[in-house]
Amino acid sequence: MAEFREQITLTAIVSGRVQGVGFRQFVWSQARHLPVVGWVRNLPDGSVEVVAQGPRPAIEALRLALLKGPRYAYVADISEDWASRTGLPDQFEIR
C-alpha cells in the first residue's frame, strides 16, 4: 500500500516526430485521468519536455503513454530523470 502514497517525479525529454502532431494535447489528456501534477511543453530543439509528479503507478502509466504517443507521432527516444522537483502547479497543464 505504501507505493500508492509515495510521490515520485519524472522529467522526460521525448524526441522524434513529437511537435505538430498533437503530442502535448495527448499527454495532457492522458495525465488528466491520473492523479498527477506537472506540465508538458515544446522545446526549441523539436523535442517535448514532460514533468510529472504523482504516485508511482500513475507516473508509470503516463510513462508508457509517452512511449506510444498519439497516432501521428513517432517517439525516437525518451531521456528520463527521476529527481524530485519543487514548484509544480496544482494540476497538469500544457505550457
PDB file of N, CA and C in Angstrom:
ATOM      1  N   MET A   1       0.815  -1.194   0.000  1.00  0.00           N
ATOM      2  CA  MET A   1       0.000   0.000   0.000  1.00  0.00           C
ATOM      3  C   MET A   1       0.863   1.264   0.000  1.00  0.00           C
ATOM      4  N   ALA A   2       2.073   1.190   0.495  1.00  0.00           N
ATOM      5  CA  ALA A   2       2.942   2.365   0.561  1.00  0.00           C
ATOM      6  C   ALA A   2       3.256   2.912  -0.815  1.00  0.00           C
ATOM      7  N   GLU A   3       3.295   2.053  -1.849  1.00  0.00           N
ATOM      8  CA  GLU A   3       3.647   2.527  -3.182  1.00  0.00           C
ATOM      9  C   GLU A   3       2.619   3.508  -3.722  1.00  0.00           C
ATOM     10  N   PHE A   4       1.372   3.463  -3.250  1.00  0.00           N
ATOM     11  CA  PHE A   4       0.349   4.388  -3.718  1.00  0.00           C
ATOM     12  C   PHE A   4       0.476   5.756  -3.065  1.00  0.00           C
ATOM     13  N   ARG A   5       1.133   5.841  -1.928  1.00  0.00           N
ATOM     14  CA  ARG A   5       1.325   7.125  -1.249  1.00  0.00           C
ATOM     15  C   ARG A   5       2.631   7.796  -1.637  1.00  0.00           C
ATOM     16  N   GLU A   6       3.587   7.012  -2.069  1.00  0.00           N
ATOM     17  CA  GLU A   6       4.880   7.550  -2.459  1.00  0.00           C
ATOM     18  C   GLU A   6       4.721   8.438  -3.696  1.00  0.00           C
ATOM     19  N   GLN A   7       5.186   9.667  -3.613  1.00  0.00           N
ATOM     20  CA  GLN A   7       5.153  10.597  -4.737  1.00  0.00           C
ATOM     21  C   GLN A   7       6.502  10.567  -5.434  1.00  0.00           C
ATOM     22  N   ILE A   8       6.493  10.309  -6.732  1.00  0.00           N
ATOM     23  CA  ILE A   8       7.730  10.322  -7.497  1.00  0.00           C
ATOM     24  C   ILE A   8       7.601  11.354  -8.611  1.00  0.00           C
ATOM     25  N   THR A   9       8.731  11.789  -9.117  1.00  0.00           N
ATOM     26  CA  THR A   9       8.745  12.802 -10.169  1.00  0.00           C
ATOM     27  C   THR A   9       9.531  12.279 -11.366  1.00  0.00           C
ATOM     28  N   LEU A  10       8.947  12.443 -12.537  1.00  0.00           N
ATOM     29  CA  LEU A  10       9.600  12.080 -13.788  1.00  0.00           C
ATOM     30  C   LEU A  10       9.734  13.331 -14.645  1.00  0.00           C
ATOM     31  N   THR A  11      10.942  13.609 -15.081  1.00  0.00           N
ATOM     32  CA  THR A  11      11.174  14.612 -16.115  1.00  0.00           C
ATOM     33  C   THR A  11      11.641  13.842 -17.337  1.00  0.00           C
ATOM     34  N   ALA A  12      10.860  13.922 -18.411  1.00  0.00           N
ATOM     35  CA  ALA A  12      11.170  13.179 -19.628  1.00  0.00           C
ATOM     36  C   ALA A  12      11.323  14.146 -20.796  1.00  0.00           C
ATOM     37  N   ILE A  13      12.345  13.935 -21.588  1.00  0.00           N
ATOM     38  CA  ILE A  13      12.531  14.666 -22.841  1.00  0.00           C
ATOM     39  C   ILE A  13      12.255  13.650 -23.947  1.00  0.00           C
ATOM     40  N   VAL A  14      11.198  13.911 -24.706  1.00  0.00           N
ATOM     41  CA  VAL A  14      10.749  12.994 -25.743  1.00  0.00           C
ATOM     42  C   VAL A  14      11.176  13.560 -27.094  1.00  0.00           C
ATOM     43  N   SER A  15      11.916  12.767 -27.862  1.00  0.00           N
ATOM     44  CA  SER A  15      12.363  13.235 -29.169  1.00  0.00           C
ATOM     45  C   SER A  15      11.824  12.325 -30.262  1.00  0.00           C
ATOM     46  N   GLY A  16      11.826  12.849 -31.461  1.00  0.00           N
ATOM     47  CA  GLY A  16      11.283  12.157 -32.620  1.00  0.00           C
ATOM     48  C   GLY A  16      10.356  13.123 -33.346  1.00  0.00           C
ATOM     49  N   ARG A  17       9.276  12.611 -33.936  1.00  0.00           N
ATOM     50  CA  ARG A  17       8.260  13.484 -34.536  1.00  0.00           C
ATOM     51  C   ARG A  17       7.197  13.701 -33.461  1.00  0.00           C
ATOM     52  N   VAL A  18       7.448  14.703 -32.608  1.00  0.00           N
ATOM     53  CA  VAL A  18       6.584  14.916 -31.445  1.00  0.00           C
ATOM     54  C   VAL A  18       6.031  16.342 -31.360  1.00  0.00           C
ATOM     55  N   GLN A  19       6.389  17.186 -32.305  1.00  0.00           N
ATOM     56  CA  GLN A  19       5.785  18.521 -32.369  1.00  0.00           C
ATOM     57  C   GLN A  19       4.962  18.607 -33.640  1.00  0.00           C
ATOM     58  N   GLY A  20       3.808  19.275 -33.546  1.00  0.00           N
ATOM     59  CA  GLY A  20       2.934  19.415 -34.705  1.00  0.00           C
ATOM     60  C   GLY A  20       2.063  18.195 -34.958  1.00  0.00           C
ATOM     61  N   VAL A  21       2.014  17.261 -34.011  1.00  0.00           N
ATOM     62  CA  VAL A  21       1.208  16.048 -34.170  1.00  0.00           C
ATOM     63  C   VAL A  21       0.243  15.844 -32.992  1.00  0.00           C
ATOM     64  N   GLY A  22       0.032  16.887 -32.194  1.00  0.00           N
ATOM     65  CA  GLY A  22      -0.880  16.793 -31.056  1.00  0.00           C
ATOM     66  C   GLY A  22      -0.290  16.095 -29.851  1.00  0.00           C
ATOM     67  N   PHE A  23       1.033  16.053 -29.759  1.00  0.00           N
ATOM     68  CA  PHE A  23       1.677  15.330 -28.659  1.00  0.00           C
ATOM     69  C   PHE A  23       1.367  15.952 -27.302  1.00  0.00           C
ATOM     70  N   ARG A  24       1.455  17.274 -27.206  1.00  0.00           N
ATOM     71  CA  ARG A  24       1.175  17.921 -25.912  1.00  0.00           C
ATOM     72  C   ARG A  24      -0.264  17.668 -25.482  1.00  0.00           C
ATOM     73  N   GLN A  25      -1.208  17.789 -26.399  1.00  0.00           N
ATOM     74  CA  GLN A  25      -2.615  17.549 -26.085  1.00  0.00           C
ATOM     75  C   GLN A  25      -2.822  16.096 -25.658  1.00  0.00           C
ATOM     76  N   PHE A  26      -2.145  15.177 -26.332  1.00  0.00           N
ATOM     77  CA  PHE A  26      -2.224  13.764 -25.983  1.00  0.00           C
ATOM     78  C   PHE A  26      -1.733  13.525 -24.551  1.00  0.00           C
ATOM     79  N   VAL A  27      -0.580  14.098 -24.220  1.00  0.00           N
ATOM     80  CA  VAL A  27      -0.023  13.914 -22.874  1.00  0.00           C
ATOM     81  C   VAL A  27      -0.958  14.511 -21.831  1.00  0.00           C
ATOM     82  N   TRP A  28      -1.461  15.704 -22.096  1.00  0.00           N
ATOM     83  CA  TRP A  28      -2.397  16.346 -21.161  1.00  0.00           C
ATOM     84  C   TRP A  28      -3.634  15.480 -20.971  1.00  0.00           C
ATOM     85  N   SER A  29      -4.166  14.945 -22.052  1.00  0.00           N
ATOM     86  CA  SER A  29      -5.353  14.099 -21.986  1.00  0.00           C
ATOM     87  C   SER A  29      -5.096  12.845 -21.153  1.00  0.00           C
ATOM     88  N   GLN A  30      -3.932  12.240 -21.326  1.00  0.00           N
ATOM     89  CA  GLN A  30      -3.578  11.063 -20.529  1.00  0.00           C
ATOM     90  C   GLN A  30      -3.423  11.442 -19.054  1.00  0.00           C
ATOM     91  N   ALA A  31      -2.742  12.545 -18.796  1.00  0.00           N
ATOM     92  CA  ALA A  31      -2.442  12.959 -17.419  1.00  0.00           C
ATOM     93  C   ALA A  31      -3.687  13.379 -16.641  1.00  0.00           C
ATOM     94  N   ARG A  32      -4.649  13.977 -17.316  1.00  0.00           N
ATOM     95  CA  ARG A  32      -5.822  14.471 -16.580  1.00  0.00           C
ATOM     96  C   ARG A  32      -6.663  13.350 -15.991  1.00  0.00           C
ATOM     97  N   HIS A  33      -6.462  12.124 -16.463  1.00  0.00           N
ATOM     98  CA  HIS A  33      -7.178  10.972 -15.917  1.00  0.00           C
ATOM     99  C   HIS A  33      -6.372  10.272 -14.827  1.00  0.00           C
ATOM    100  N   LEU A  34      -5.225  10.822 -14.504  1.00  0.00           N
ATOM    101  CA  LEU A  34      -4.349  10.245 -13.488  1.00  0.00           C
ATOM    102  C   LEU A  34      -4.137  11.257 -12.372  1.00  0.00           C
ATOM    103  N   PRO A  35      -3.817  10.802 -11.172  1.00  0.00           N
ATOM    104  CA  PRO A  35      -3.535  11.738 -10.083  1.00  0.00           C
ATOM    105  C   PRO A  35      -2.104  12.276 -10.162  1.00  0.00           C
ATOM    106  N   VAL A  36      -1.837  13.093 -11.196  1.00  0.00           N
ATOM    107  CA  VAL A  36      -0.508  13.674 -11.374  1.00  0.00           C
ATOM    108  C   VAL A  36      -0.610  15.179 -11.554  1.00  0.00           C
ATOM    109  N   VAL A  37       0.473  15.861 -11.226  1.00  0.00           N
ATOM    110  CA  VAL A  37       0.607  17.298 -11.468  1.00  0.00           C
ATOM    111  C   VAL A  37       1.859  17.499 -12.308  1.00  0.00           C
ATOM    112  N   GLY A  38       1.952  18.658 -12.951  1.00  0.00           N
ATOM    113  CA  GLY A  38       3.136  18.950 -13.744  1.00  0.00           C
ATOM    114  C   GLY A  38       2.773  19.664 -15.018  1.00  0.00           C
ATOM    115  N   TRP A  39       3.594  19.446 -16.066  1.00  0.00           N
ATOM    116  CA  TRP A  39       3.355  20.122 -17.333  1.00  0.00           C
ATOM    117  C   TRP A  39       3.987  19.376 -18.488  1.00  0.00           C
ATOM    118  N   VAL A  40       3.561  19.791 -19.675  1.00  0.00           N
ATOM    119  CA  VAL A  40       4.169  19.339 -20.920  1.00  0.00           C
ATOM    120  C   VAL A  40       4.401  20.586 -21.758  1.00  0.00           C
ATOM    121  N   ARG A  41       5.563  20.652 -22.427  1.00  0.00           N
ATOM    122  CA  ARG A  41       5.844  21.816 -23.273  1.00  0.00           C
ATOM    123  C   ARG A  41       6.797  21.440 -24.397  1.00  0.00           C
ATOM    124  N   ASN A  42       6.684  22.181 -25.501  1.00  0.00           N
ATOM    125  CA  ASN A  42       7.619  22.028 -26.614  1.00  0.00           C
ATOM    126  C   ASN A  42       8.943  22.689 -26.263  1.00  0.00           C
ATOM    127  N   LEU A  43      10.024  22.115 -26.730  1.00  0.00           N
ATOM    128  CA  LEU A  43      11.350  22.705 -26.569  1.00  0.00           C
ATOM    129  C   LEU A  43      11.847  23.195 -27.930  1.00  0.00           C
ATOM    130  N   PRO A  44      12.729  24.181 -27.936  1.00  0.00           N
ATOM    131  CA  PRO A  44      13.206  24.753 -29.197  1.00  0.00           C
ATOM    132  C   PRO A  44      13.865  23.761 -30.149  1.00  0.00           C
ATOM    133  N   ASP A  45      14.423  22.674 -29.635  1.00  0.00           N
ATOM    134  CA  ASP A  45      15.112  21.703 -30.493  1.00  0.00           C
ATOM    135  C   ASP A  45      14.173  20.691 -31.155  1.00  0.00           C
ATOM    136  N   GLY A  46      12.856  20.850 -30.962  1.00  0.00           N
ATOM    137  CA  GLY A  46      11.885  19.948 -31.578  1.00  0.00           C
ATOM    138  C   GLY A  46      11.431  18.815 -30.681  1.00  0.00           C
ATOM    139  N   SER A  47      11.996  18.722 -29.498  1.00  0.00           N
ATOM    140  CA  SER A  47      11.572  17.698 -28.551  1.00  0.00           C
ATOM    141  C   SER A  47      10.468  18.244 -27.648  1.00  0.00           C
ATOM    142  N   VAL A  48       9.933  17.393 -26.802  1.00  0.00           N
ATOM    143  CA  VAL A  48       8.882  17.770 -25.859  1.00  0.00           C
ATOM    144  C   VAL A  48       9.347  17.384 -24.460  1.00  0.00           C
ATOM    145  N   GLU A  49       9.172  18.316 -23.517  1.00  0.00           N
ATOM    146  CA  GLU A  49       9.513  18.054 -22.118  1.00  0.00           C
ATOM    147  C   GLU A  49       8.237  17.765 -21.344  1.00  0.00           C
ATOM    148  N   VAL A  50       8.289  16.707 -20.541  1.00  0.00           N
ATOM    149  CA  VAL A  50       7.176  16.346 -19.667  1.00  0.00           C
ATOM    150  C   VAL A  50       7.720  16.269 -18.250  1.00  0.00           C
ATOM    151  N   VAL A  51       7.102  17.012 -17.346  1.00  0.00           N
ATOM    152  CA  VAL A  51       7.434  16.937 -15.924  1.00  0.00           C
ATOM    153  C   VAL A  51       6.161  16.505 -15.226  1.00  0.00           C
ATOM    154  N   ALA A  52       6.206  15.362 -14.538  1.00  0.00           N
ATOM    155  CA  ALA A  52       5.018  14.825 -13.882  1.00  0.00           C
ATOM    156  C   ALA A  52       5.374  14.268 -12.516  1.00  0.00           C
ATOM    157  N   GLN A  53       4.504  14.545 -11.551  1.00  0.00           N
ATOM    158  CA  GLN A  53       4.708  14.055 -10.187  1.00  0.00           C
ATOM    159  C   GLN A  53       3.401  13.443  -9.703  1.00  0.00           C
ATOM    160  N   GLY A  54       3.522  12.295  -9.057  1.00  0.00           N
ATOM    161  CA  GLY A  54       2.350  11.621  -8.514  1.00  0.00           C
ATOM    162  C   GLY A  54       2.732  10.265  -7.971  1.00  0.00           C
ATOM    163  N   PRO A  55       1.732   9.452  -7.650  1.00  0.00           N
ATOM    164  CA  PRO A  55       2.015   8.101  -7.166  1.00  0.00           C
ATOM    165  C   PRO A  55       2.699   7.275  -8.256  1.00  0.00           C
ATOM    166  N   ARG A  56       3.571   6.389  -7.841  1.00  0.00           N
ATOM    167  CA  ARG A  56       4.339   5.581  -8.795  1.00  0.00           C
ATOM    168  C   ARG A  56       3.472   4.926  -9.874  1.00  0.00           C
ATOM    169  N   PRO A  57       2.344   4.271  -9.549  1.00  0.00           N
ATOM    170  CA  PRO A  57       1.551   3.639 -10.614  1.00  0.00           C
ATOM    171  C   PRO A  57       1.055   4.642 -11.661  1.00  0.00           C
ATOM    172  N   ALA A  58       0.702   5.840 -11.241  1.00  0.00           N
ATOM    173  CA  ALA A  58       0.226   6.865 -12.175  1.00  0.00           C
ATOM    174  C   ALA A  58       1.360   7.350 -13.074  1.00  0.00           C
ATOM    175  N   ILE A  59       2.532   7.553 -12.498  1.00  0.00           N
ATOM    176  CA  ILE A  59       3.677   8.020 -13.291  1.00  0.00           C
ATOM    177  C   ILE A  59       4.109   6.935 -14.273  1.00  0.00           C
ATOM    178  N   GLU A  60       4.084   5.684 -13.851  1.00  0.00           N
ATOM    179  CA  GLU A  60       4.434   4.582 -14.757  1.00  0.00           C
ATOM    180  C   GLU A  60       3.424   4.500 -15.905  1.00  0.00           C
ATOM    181  N   ALA A  61       2.143   4.707 -15.631  1.00  0.00           N
ATOM    182  CA  ALA A  61       1.125   4.689 -16.684  1.00  0.00           C
ATOM    183  C   ALA A  61       1.361   5.827 -17.676  1.00  0.00           C
ATOM    184  N   LEU A  62       1.696   7.013 -17.169  1.00  0.00           N
ATOM    185  CA  LEU A  62       1.972   8.142 -18.053  1.00  0.00           C
ATOM    186  C   LEU A  62       3.232   7.874 -18.877  1.00  0.00           C
ATOM    187  N   ARG A  63       4.237   7.297 -18.267  1.00  0.00           N
ATOM    188  CA  ARG A  63       5.480   6.967 -18.981  1.00  0.00           C
ATOM    189  C   ARG A  63       5.197   6.013 -20.144  1.00  0.00           C
ATOM    190  N   LEU A  64       4.366   5.016 -19.925  1.00  0.00           N
ATOM    191  CA  LEU A  64       4.008   4.094 -21.001  1.00  0.00           C
ATOM    192  C   LEU A  64       3.274   4.818 -22.128  1.00  0.00           C
ATOM    193  N   ALA A  65       2.417   5.772 -21.774  1.00  0.00           N
ATOM    194  CA  ALA A  65       1.718   6.563 -22.798  1.00  0.00           C
ATOM    195  C   ALA A  65       2.705   7.396 -23.605  1.00  0.00           C
ATOM    196  N   LEU A  66       3.738   7.928 -22.948  1.00  0.00           N
ATOM    197  CA  LEU A  66       4.757   8.711 -23.660  1.00  0.00           C
ATOM    198  C   LEU A  66       5.474   7.860 -24.698  1.00  0.00           C
ATOM    199  N   LEU A  67       5.729   6.620 -24.378  1.00  0.00           N
ATOM    200  CA  LEU A  67       6.416   5.723 -25.310  1.00  0.00           C
ATOM    201  C   LEU A  67       5.598   5.497 -26.580  1.00  0.00           C
ATOM    202  N   LYS A  68       4.282   5.493 -26.434  1.00  0.00           N
ATOM    203  CA  LYS A  68       3.393   5.260 -27.571  1.00  0.00           C
ATOM    204  C   LYS A  68       3.123   6.549 -28.339  1.00  0.00           C
ATOM    205  N   GLY A  69       2.708   7.596 -27.620  1.00  0.00           N
ATOM    206  CA  GLY A  69       2.374   8.866 -28.259  1.00  0.00           C
ATOM    207  C   GLY A  69       1.057   8.791 -29.014  1.00  0.00           C
ATOM    208  N   PRO A  70       0.639   9.913 -29.583  1.00  0.00           N
ATOM    209  CA  PRO A  70      -0.594   9.931 -30.368  1.00  0.00           C
ATOM    210  C   PRO A  70      -0.382   9.304 -31.747  1.00  0.00           C
ATOM    211  N   ARG A  71      -1.431   9.181 -32.479  1.00  0.00           N
ATOM    212  CA  ARG A  71      -1.453   8.459 -33.763  1.00  0.00           C
ATOM    213  C   ARG A  71      -0.350   8.869 -34.739  1.00  0.00           C
ATOM    214  N   TYR A  72      -0.127  10.148 -34.960  1.00  0.00           N
ATOM    215  CA  TYR A  72       0.819  10.596 -35.984  1.00  0.00           C
ATOM    216  C   TYR A  72       2.222  10.901 -35.456  1.00  0.00           C
ATOM    217  N   ALA A  73       2.437  10.639 -34.184  1.00  0.00           N
ATOM    218  CA  ALA A  73       3.761  10.874 -33.601  1.00  0.00           C
ATOM    219  C   ALA A  73       4.671   9.676 -33.846  1.00  0.00           C
ATOM    220  N   TYR A  74       5.951   9.955 -33.773  1.00  0.00           N
ATOM    221  CA  TYR A  74       6.970   8.901 -33.779  1.00  0.00           C
ATOM    222  C   TYR A  74       7.935   9.221 -32.646  1.00  0.00           C
ATOM    223  N   VAL A  75       7.943   8.384 -31.639  1.00  0.00           N
ATOM    224  CA  VAL A  75       8.832   8.580 -30.493  1.00  0.00           C
ATOM    225  C   VAL A  75      10.129   7.833 -30.771  1.00  0.00           C
ATOM    226  N   ALA A  76      11.202   8.601 -30.993  1.00  0.00           N
ATOM    227  CA  ALA A  76      12.505   8.004 -31.278  1.00  0.00           C
ATOM    228  C   ALA A  76      13.272   7.693 -30.002  1.00  0.00           C
ATOM    229  N   ASP A  77      13.121   8.551 -28.977  1.00  0.00           N
ATOM    230  CA  ASP A  77      13.899   8.387 -27.754  1.00  0.00           C
ATOM    231  C   ASP A  77      13.231   9.146 -26.622  1.00  0.00           C
ATOM    232  N   ILE A  78      13.423   8.648 -25.418  1.00  0.00           N
ATOM    233  CA  ILE A  78      12.980   9.349 -24.213  1.00  0.00           C
ATOM    234  C   ILE A  78      14.138   9.319 -23.227  1.00  0.00           C
ATOM    235  N   SER A  79      14.593  10.512 -22.829  1.00  0.00           N
ATOM    236  CA  SER A  79      15.575  10.564 -21.741  1.00  0.00           C
ATOM    237  C   SER A  79      14.794  10.852 -20.467  1.00  0.00           C
ATOM    238  N   GLU A  80      15.136  10.153 -19.408  1.00  0.00           N
ATOM    239  CA  GLU A  80      14.394  10.235 -18.159  1.00  0.00           C
ATOM    240  C   GLU A  80      15.283  10.683 -17.013  1.00  0.00           C
ATOM    241  N   ASP A  81      14.725  11.531 -16.166  1.00  0.00           N
ATOM    242  CA  ASP A  81      15.380  11.959 -14.933  1.00  0.00           C
ATOM    243  C   ASP A  81      14.334  11.788 -13.831  1.00  0.00           C
ATOM    244  N   TRP A  82      14.680  11.044 -12.806  1.00  0.00           N
ATOM    245  CA  TRP A  82      13.737  10.730 -11.732  1.00  0.00           C
ATOM    246  C   TRP A  82      14.002  11.556 -10.473  1.00  0.00           C
ATOM    247  N   ALA A  83      14.695  12.681 -10.598  1.00  0.00           N
ATOM    248  CA  ALA A  83      14.987  13.534  -9.438  1.00  0.00           C
ATOM    249  C   ALA A  83      13.733  14.296  -9.018  1.00  0.00           C
ATOM    250  N   SER A  84      13.615  14.534  -7.752  1.00  0.00           N
ATOM    251  CA  SER A  84      12.492  15.287  -7.195  1.00  0.00           C
ATOM    252  C   SER A  84      12.551  16.747  -7.645  1.00  0.00           C
ATOM    253  N   ARG A  85      11.391  17.373  -7.790  1.00  0.00           N
ATOM    254  CA  ARG A  85      11.320  18.789  -8.165  1.00  0.00           C
ATOM    255  C   ARG A  85      10.307  19.483  -7.281  1.00  0.00           C
ATOM    256  N   THR A  86      10.499  20.769  -7.121  1.00  0.00           N
ATOM    257  CA  THR A  86       9.535  21.573  -6.370  1.00  0.00           C
ATOM    258  C   THR A  86       8.941  22.620  -7.301  1.00  0.00           C
ATOM    259  N   GLY A  87       7.919  23.292  -6.831  1.00  0.00           N
ATOM    260  CA  GLY A  87       7.323  24.383  -7.609  1.00  0.00           C
ATOM    261  C   GLY A  87       6.438  23.929  -8.745  1.00  0.00           C
ATOM    262  N   LEU A  88       5.887  22.710  -8.653  1.00  0.00           N
ATOM    263  CA  LEU A  88       4.999  22.225  -9.700  1.00  0.00           C
ATOM    264  C   LEU A  88       3.610  22.824  -9.529  1.00  0.00           C
ATOM    265  N   PRO A  89       2.856  22.965 -10.616  1.00  0.00           N
ATOM    266  CA  PRO A  89       1.498  23.503 -10.498  1.00  0.00           C
ATOM    267  C   PRO A  89       0.583  22.531  -9.757  1.00  0.00           C
ATOM    268  N   ASP A  90      -0.612  22.984  -9.416  1.00  0.00           N
ATOM    269  CA  ASP A  90      -1.578  22.153  -8.674  1.00  0.00           C
ATOM    270  C   ASP A  90      -2.304  21.137  -9.554  1.00  0.00           C
ATOM    271  N   GLN A  91      -2.114  21.237 -10.851  1.00  0.00           N
ATOM    272  CA  GLN A  91      -2.722  20.293 -11.786  1.00  0.00           C
ATOM    273  C   GLN A  91      -1.756  20.073 -12.942  1.00  0.00           C
ATOM    274  N   PHE A  92      -2.145  19.271 -13.915  1.00  0.00           N
ATOM    275  CA  PHE A  92      -1.282  19.044 -15.074  1.00  0.00           C
ATOM    276  C   PHE A  92      -1.686  20.015 -16.161  1.00  0.00           C
ATOM    277  N   GLU A  93      -0.702  20.702 -16.761  1.00  0.00           N
ATOM    278  CA  GLU A  93      -1.010  21.748 -17.743  1.00  0.00           C
ATOM    279  C   GLU A  93      -0.122  21.689 -18.969  1.00  0.00           C
ATOM    280  N   ILE A  94      -0.617  22.290 -20.029  1.00  0.00           N
ATOM    281  CA  ILE A  94       0.166  22.471 -21.252  1.00  0.00           C
ATOM    282  C   ILE A  94       0.793  23.848 -21.168  1.00  0.00           C
ATOM    283  N   ARG A  95       2.075  23.914 -21.446  1.00  0.00           N
ATOM    284  CA  ARG A  95       2.767  25.215 -21.438  1.00  0.00           C
ATOM    285  C   ARG A  95       3.208  25.561 -22.833  1.00  0.00           C
TER     286      ARG A  95
END
